[in-house]
Every structure is written in C-alpha cells, then in structure tokens.
Amino acid sequence: DIIKVSQLNKKQKKAISKHDLKKEATAFAQTGSVEKEESDKQAMNMVIRADVLGSLEAIVASLHDLENEEVKVKIVQKGLGRLTEGDIDQAESSGAVVISYNVPVSPNVEKLAKDKKIEILQYSVIYHLLEEVKKRLEAMLSPEVTVTEHGRLKVLAIFRKEKDAMIIGGKVTKGKAVLGAKAKVLREDIPFGQGEITELQQNKVSAQEVTEGNECGMKFSGKPLIEEGDFLEFYSEVSRKKTLK
C-alpha cells in the first residue's frame, strides 16, 4: 500500500552518481532526437503505367500535390501502355505499389505480381486513384500530439523500488498530481527519465488527483532511478490523426 509521507520514517537513500545522472540525461535527450529522425519525410514508392501521356502527366502532378513536410510520393518508374514484368521486378526491388491507369494487366504480369506479393491498383478515374493514395499517405503521418501540463511534485521519500516501478511519496508544489498522467523526472533541473503515475493516494485513500500544497503517495511506472529531492513534472498527451489538405 502507498502510505502518507508524514507517517513514515524516511531512510537515507544513496543517490546515483553524477556520471550516471549525466548518462541517463543524455539517453533521455536522445529520445527526442530519434523521434525527430523518424519524423523525416517518408516516401510511398510507386510504379505507374497510363494509357496516354496527358493522363500520366496529370497523375504525376496530382500525386506530388498531395505531399507535405512529412510524406511524399516517389515514382521509381513510369511509362505508357501495358504493365510489363520489368515493372513488377522494379516494384519488388523498390518496395513500390503498382498503379495501372486505363491499361489492361495481362495474366502473366498479374501472376508474377501475385507470386512476388506486389500490389497492383487499377483505376479508370484519376479522382479515385488520388483518394486511395491520399488515404495511404495519411496513414504514414505521425499523429499530432497536444501536451497539457498538470503540475510539479517534490519527492520526499522512496518507499519501495521494483523492477519497472517505484512507490514514492512527495508534496505537490505546483498545480496538481493526476492519476494516469505521464511524469518527467528532474534532478537539479535536468530531465533524465520519464514514466507514468499508475496509482495515487492521499491520506491512504485512492485519489484521482492531489492539489498543490498537499502530500501524497504514488506508484511511478518507469525506470526506477528516482531519489529523494528529485522533482516530477506531470503532463498528459492527446494524439490526433493528421490529414492531408
């Protein structure tokens, strides 16, 4: 059980070394860098065949109009007339989807595509083609995340450490502690870890939130590196799917 801080005898805990703190802070900071790299433009590779040059040019221009700062269309091969086995081979080597606009697909090419697990999308209306590509590009977009800050707590006691969690107590110094919120861990104003508040109690009673000036106990689910004197900053995130214009 989580017990009110003021009712427990606090034991001196050995703080992690400055070297370890720097190591954890660096790892935490690099998380943002990885996310940034992963958010670079993603490409949907395509092989396109159309019946006439005018249609092909219109399709290519319209596909590029769908692009934004996160996703793009990469046309690895294009041409006029029937799909060829070479188109299927190119699609296989580049991980592309094949677009066939107003051109027939021969049984041999269809069988080859099936054997190689290459998707052929056949259309006779450009609008329908664009709608499908737009849907696929939108599925590649990273979600739009809205962050709401809730409050800050000073850690006054460490009650128990588990493999991937800690039972801690502290005092809310700003805003409020919220059950289910994410928590950033800071030491000397340096962020070096994060987790989630999966249990929250005030005066031995389960609580949804604890407001500024009050003490509370909580279960922090995350890497068990918190020590007395650290601060937790509580926040929540709401993700929303992005759409293309």
Protein backbone atom coordinates (compact mmCIF):
# COMPACT_ATOMS: atom_id res chain seq x y z
CA ASP A 1 0.00 0.00 0.00
CA ILE A 2 1.01 3.60 -0.55
CA ILE A 3 1.33 5.32 2.83
CA LYS A 4 1.19 9.03 3.58
CA VAL A 5 4.67 10.52 3.63
CA SER A 6 4.40 12.16 7.04
CA GLN A 7 3.58 8.82 8.69
CA LEU A 8 6.71 7.03 7.56
CA ASN A 9 10.27 7.07 8.82
CA LYS A 10 12.45 8.13 5.91
CA LYS A 11 15.59 6.16 5.21
CA GLN A 12 18.64 7.72 3.65
CA LYS A 13 18.97 6.58 0.03
CA LYS A 14 22.20 6.51 -1.90
CA ALA A 15 21.97 8.96 -4.79
CA ILE A 16 23.11 7.84 -8.20
CA SER A 17 26.43 9.31 -9.23
CA LYS A 18 26.76 12.43 -11.35
CA HIS A 19 28.20 10.21 -14.06
CA ASP A 20 25.06 8.06 -14.05
CA LEU A 21 22.85 11.15 -13.98
CA LYS A 22 24.65 12.58 -17.00
CA LYS A 23 24.34 9.22 -18.76
CA GLU A 24 20.60 8.99 -18.10
CA ALA A 25 20.03 12.64 -19.04
CA THR A 26 21.88 12.11 -22.32
CA ALA A 27 19.84 9.00 -23.10
CA PHE A 28 16.62 10.86 -22.27
CA ALA A 29 17.59 13.79 -24.51
CA GLN A 30 18.48 11.46 -27.37
CA THR A 31 14.92 10.11 -27.32
CA GLY A 32 13.79 13.39 -28.84
CA SER A 33 16.50 13.16 -31.49
CA VAL A 34 15.38 9.70 -32.52
CA GLU A 35 11.79 10.87 -32.80
CA LYS A 36 12.92 13.78 -34.93
CA GLU A 37 14.80 11.48 -37.29
CA GLU A 38 11.81 9.16 -37.56
CA SER A 39 9.59 12.12 -38.46
CA ASP A 40 11.64 12.91 -41.61
CA LYS A 41 9.78 12.58 -44.90
CA GLN A 42 8.54 9.10 -45.60
CA ALA A 43 8.08 8.03 -49.19
CA MET A 44 5.39 5.96 -50.85
CA ASN A 45 7.15 4.31 -53.78
CA MET A 46 5.19 3.82 -56.99
CA VAL A 47 5.45 2.33 -60.44
CA ILE A 48 2.92 3.99 -62.75
CA ARG A 49 1.56 2.97 -66.13
CA ALA A 50 -1.05 5.03 -68.00
CA ASP A 51 -2.79 4.88 -71.37
CA VAL A 52 -1.74 8.29 -72.72
CA LEU A 53 0.87 10.93 -71.91
CA GLY A 54 -1.70 13.51 -70.84
CA SER A 55 -3.14 11.19 -68.22
CA LEU A 56 0.30 10.19 -66.96
CA GLU A 57 1.40 13.80 -66.57
CA ALA A 58 -1.84 14.73 -64.79
CA ILE A 59 -1.49 11.79 -62.39
CA VAL A 60 2.14 12.57 -61.57
CA ALA A 61 1.41 16.26 -60.95
CA SER A 62 -1.63 15.49 -58.80
CA LEU A 63 0.26 12.92 -56.73
CA HIS A 64 3.02 15.41 -55.93
CA ASP A 65 0.35 17.94 -54.89
CA LEU A 66 -0.60 15.54 -52.07
CA GLU A 67 2.83 15.77 -50.45
CA ASN A 68 3.61 17.73 -47.31
CA GLU A 69 6.57 18.16 -44.95
CA GLU A 70 6.24 14.58 -43.68
CA VAL A 71 5.29 12.37 -46.62
CA LYS A 72 5.94 12.26 -50.32
CA VAL A 73 5.31 10.17 -53.41
CA LYS A 74 8.40 8.71 -55.06
CA ILE A 75 7.84 7.49 -58.60
CA VAL A 76 10.52 4.89 -59.22
CA GLN A 77 9.31 4.04 -62.72
CA LYS A 78 6.63 5.30 -65.12
CA GLY A 79 5.57 4.70 -68.67
CA LEU A 80 2.79 4.32 -71.22
CA GLY A 81 0.97 1.17 -72.22
CA ARG A 82 0.60 -2.23 -70.63
CA LEU A 83 2.32 -3.23 -67.43
CA THR A 84 5.40 -5.35 -68.02
CA GLU A 85 7.21 -7.97 -66.00
CA GLY A 86 10.00 -5.42 -65.68
CA ASP A 87 7.58 -3.09 -63.88
CA ILE A 88 6.83 -5.84 -61.37
CA ASP A 89 10.53 -6.55 -60.86
CA GLN A 90 11.16 -2.84 -60.28
CA ALA A 91 8.30 -2.67 -57.79
CA GLU A 92 9.71 -5.65 -55.92
CA SER A 93 13.21 -4.19 -55.67
CA SER A 94 11.98 -0.79 -54.50
CA GLY A 95 9.05 -1.84 -52.32
CA ALA A 96 6.64 0.01 -54.59
CA VAL A 97 2.95 -0.27 -55.27
CA VAL A 98 1.97 -0.50 -58.94
CA ILE A 99 -0.58 1.89 -60.43
CA SER A 100 -2.30 0.86 -63.64
CA TYR A 101 -4.41 3.64 -65.16
CA ASN A 102 -6.67 2.72 -68.06
CA VAL A 103 -4.35 -0.06 -69.21
CA PRO A 104 -5.04 -3.81 -69.06
CA VAL A 105 -2.99 -6.20 -66.97
CA SER A 106 -2.01 -9.41 -68.73
CA PRO A 107 -2.48 -12.75 -66.95
CA ASN A 108 1.28 -13.34 -66.96
CA VAL A 109 2.01 -9.99 -65.29
CA GLU A 110 -0.84 -10.49 -62.83
CA LYS A 111 0.51 -13.93 -61.87
CA LEU A 112 4.04 -12.58 -61.46
CA ALA A 113 2.77 -9.79 -59.23
CA LYS A 114 0.83 -12.29 -57.13
CA ASP A 115 3.86 -14.57 -56.81
CA LYS A 116 6.05 -11.65 -55.73
CA LYS A 117 3.30 -10.22 -53.49
CA ILE A 118 3.25 -6.94 -55.42
CA GLU A 119 0.06 -4.91 -55.18
CA ILE A 120 -1.45 -3.64 -58.43
CA LEU A 121 -4.03 -0.85 -58.14
CA GLN A 122 -6.15 -0.44 -61.25
CA TYR A 123 -8.12 2.73 -61.96
CA SER A 124 -10.02 4.41 -64.75
CA VAL A 125 -10.85 7.60 -62.80
CA ILE A 126 -8.00 9.81 -61.56
CA TYR A 127 -10.02 11.07 -58.59
CA HIS A 128 -10.42 7.54 -57.23
CA LEU A 129 -6.70 6.90 -57.65
CA LEU A 130 -5.83 10.08 -55.75
CA GLU A 131 -8.27 9.30 -52.94
CA GLU A 132 -6.63 5.92 -52.35
CA VAL A 133 -3.11 7.34 -52.40
CA LYS A 134 -4.15 10.17 -50.07
CA LYS A 135 -5.57 7.65 -47.60
CA ARG A 136 -2.32 5.68 -47.63
CA LEU A 137 -0.17 8.77 -47.21
CA GLU A 138 -2.29 9.93 -44.27
CA ALA A 139 -1.73 6.56 -42.60
CA MET A 140 2.01 7.31 -42.76
CA LEU A 141 1.70 10.66 -40.97
CA SER A 142 2.85 10.94 -37.38
CA PRO A 143 -0.02 11.89 -35.05
CA GLU A 144 -0.49 15.46 -33.86
CA VAL A 145 0.22 15.49 -30.12
CA THR A 146 -1.22 18.09 -27.73
CA VAL A 147 0.54 18.32 -24.36
CA THR A 148 -1.23 19.57 -21.22
CA GLU A 149 0.91 20.34 -18.17
CA HIS A 150 -0.66 19.48 -14.80
CA GLY A 151 1.80 20.22 -12.03
CA ARG A 152 5.02 19.51 -10.17
CA LEU A 153 5.92 17.41 -7.13
CA LYS A 154 8.99 17.24 -4.91
CA VAL A 155 9.95 13.69 -3.95
CA LEU A 156 10.23 13.37 -0.16
CA ALA A 157 10.52 9.61 0.29
CA ILE A 158 11.23 6.39 -1.57
CA PHE A 159 9.15 3.57 -0.13
CA ARG A 160 9.90 0.71 -2.48
CA LYS A 161 11.75 0.00 -5.71
CA GLU A 162 10.56 -2.63 -8.16
CA LYS A 163 11.95 -3.78 -11.48
CA ASP A 164 9.99 -1.28 -13.57
CA ALA A 165 8.30 0.87 -10.94
CA MET A 166 8.71 2.73 -7.65
CA ILE A 167 6.47 3.59 -4.72
CA ILE A 168 7.27 7.16 -3.72
CA GLY A 169 5.88 9.99 -1.65
CA GLY A 170 6.08 13.71 -2.09
CA LYS A 171 4.48 17.12 -1.90
CA VAL A 172 2.74 18.84 -4.79
CA THR A 173 4.49 22.20 -5.18
CA LYS A 174 2.61 23.43 -8.23
CA GLY A 175 -0.68 22.59 -9.93
CA LYS A 176 -1.74 19.03 -9.23
CA ALA A 177 -0.68 15.39 -9.45
CA VAL A 178 -3.05 13.44 -11.68
CA LEU A 179 -3.67 9.69 -11.79
CA GLY A 180 -2.72 8.29 -15.19
CA ALA A 181 -0.58 11.29 -16.10
CA LYS A 182 2.88 10.98 -17.57
CA ALA A 183 5.73 12.20 -15.39
CA LYS A 184 9.08 13.69 -16.31
CA VAL A 185 11.83 13.16 -13.71
CA LEU A 186 14.19 16.06 -12.98
CA ARG A 187 17.27 16.35 -10.80
CA GLU A 188 18.96 19.73 -10.48
CA ASP A 189 16.53 20.85 -13.21
CA ILE A 190 17.98 18.25 -15.59
CA PRO A 191 15.38 15.86 -17.10
CA PHE A 192 16.72 12.30 -17.07
CA GLY A 193 13.73 9.98 -17.17
CA GLN A 194 10.00 9.63 -17.52
CA GLY A 195 7.18 7.31 -16.58
CA GLU A 196 3.51 7.21 -15.66
CA ILE A 197 1.55 7.62 -12.44
CA THR A 198 -0.39 4.36 -12.20
CA GLU A 199 -1.54 4.66 -8.56
CA LEU A 200 -2.22 7.75 -6.46
CA GLN A 201 -3.22 8.11 -2.80
CA GLN A 202 -3.83 10.93 -0.36
CA ASN A 203 -4.26 10.10 3.35
CA LYS A 204 -4.25 6.37 2.47
CA VAL A 205 -7.24 6.89 0.17
CA SER A 206 -7.08 6.39 -3.58
CA ALA A 207 -7.36 9.68 -5.43
CA GLN A 208 -7.82 10.89 -8.98
CA GLU A 209 -5.76 14.00 -8.29
CA VAL A 210 -3.93 15.76 -5.46
CA THR A 211 -3.70 19.54 -5.47
CA GLU A 212 -0.91 21.99 -4.67
CA GLY A 213 0.34 22.07 -1.09
CA ASN A 214 -0.74 18.51 -0.28
CA GLU A 215 1.33 15.39 0.27
CA CYS A 216 0.61 12.12 -1.49
CA GLY A 217 1.94 8.70 -2.29
CA MET A 218 2.08 7.21 -5.76
CA LYS A 219 3.27 4.38 -7.91
CA PHE A 220 5.60 5.59 -10.63
CA SER A 221 5.82 3.11 -13.51
CA GLY A 222 9.12 3.58 -15.30
CA LYS A 223 12.85 3.15 -14.83
CA PRO A 224 13.42 3.16 -11.03
CA LEU A 225 16.01 5.95 -10.80
CA ILE A 226 14.13 8.47 -8.66
CA GLU A 227 15.75 9.66 -5.41
CA GLU A 228 14.64 11.93 -2.59
CA GLY A 229 14.87 15.57 -3.62
CA ASP A 230 14.06 14.90 -7.26
CA PHE A 231 11.10 16.59 -8.92
CA LEU A 232 8.35 15.13 -11.05
CA GLU A 233 6.53 17.19 -13.65
CA PHE A 234 3.12 15.82 -14.60
CA TYR A 235 1.58 16.12 -18.04
CA SER A 236 -0.79 14.37 -20.41
CA GLU A 237 -0.77 13.92 -24.16
CA VAL A 238 -3.64 13.64 -26.60
CA SER A 239 -2.92 12.27 -30.07
CA ARG A 240 -4.97 13.13 -33.13
CA LYS A 241 -4.60 11.75 -36.63
CA LYS A 242 -3.38 14.24 -39.18
CA THR A 243 -4.94 14.68 -42.60
CA LEU A 244 -3.64 15.97 -45.90
CA LYS A 245 -5.16 19.04 -47.46
